[in-house]
Amino acid sequence: GMAVRESSLLVASHMMRIR
């Protein structure tokens, strides 16, 4: 539910930071 969505957001933010 929400936990999964938050994790996805964190991953996306991390990917953007790496780039």
Protein backbone atom coordinates (compact mmCIF):
# COMPACT_ATOMS: atom_id res chain seq x y z
CA GLY A 1 0.00 0.00 0.00
CA MET A 2 1.49 3.30 1.09
CA ALA A 3 4.81 1.77 2.15
CA VAL A 4 5.36 0.47 -1.37
CA ARG A 5 4.55 3.85 -2.86
CA GLU A 6 6.94 5.64 -0.51
CA SER A 7 9.69 3.18 -1.37
CA SER A 8 9.15 3.82 -5.08
CA LEU A 9 9.40 7.55 -4.51
CA LEU A 10 12.64 7.11 -2.59
CA VAL A 11 14.11 4.98 -5.37
CA ALA A 12 13.11 7.54 -8.01
CA SER A 13 14.66 10.35 -5.99
CA HIS A 14 17.87 8.35 -5.56
CA MET A 15 18.04 7.61 -9.29
CA MET A 16 17.59 11.30 -10.10
CA ARG A 17 20.34 12.20 -7.63
CA ILE A 18 22.75 9.71 -9.18
CA ARG A 19 22.06 11.20 -12.61
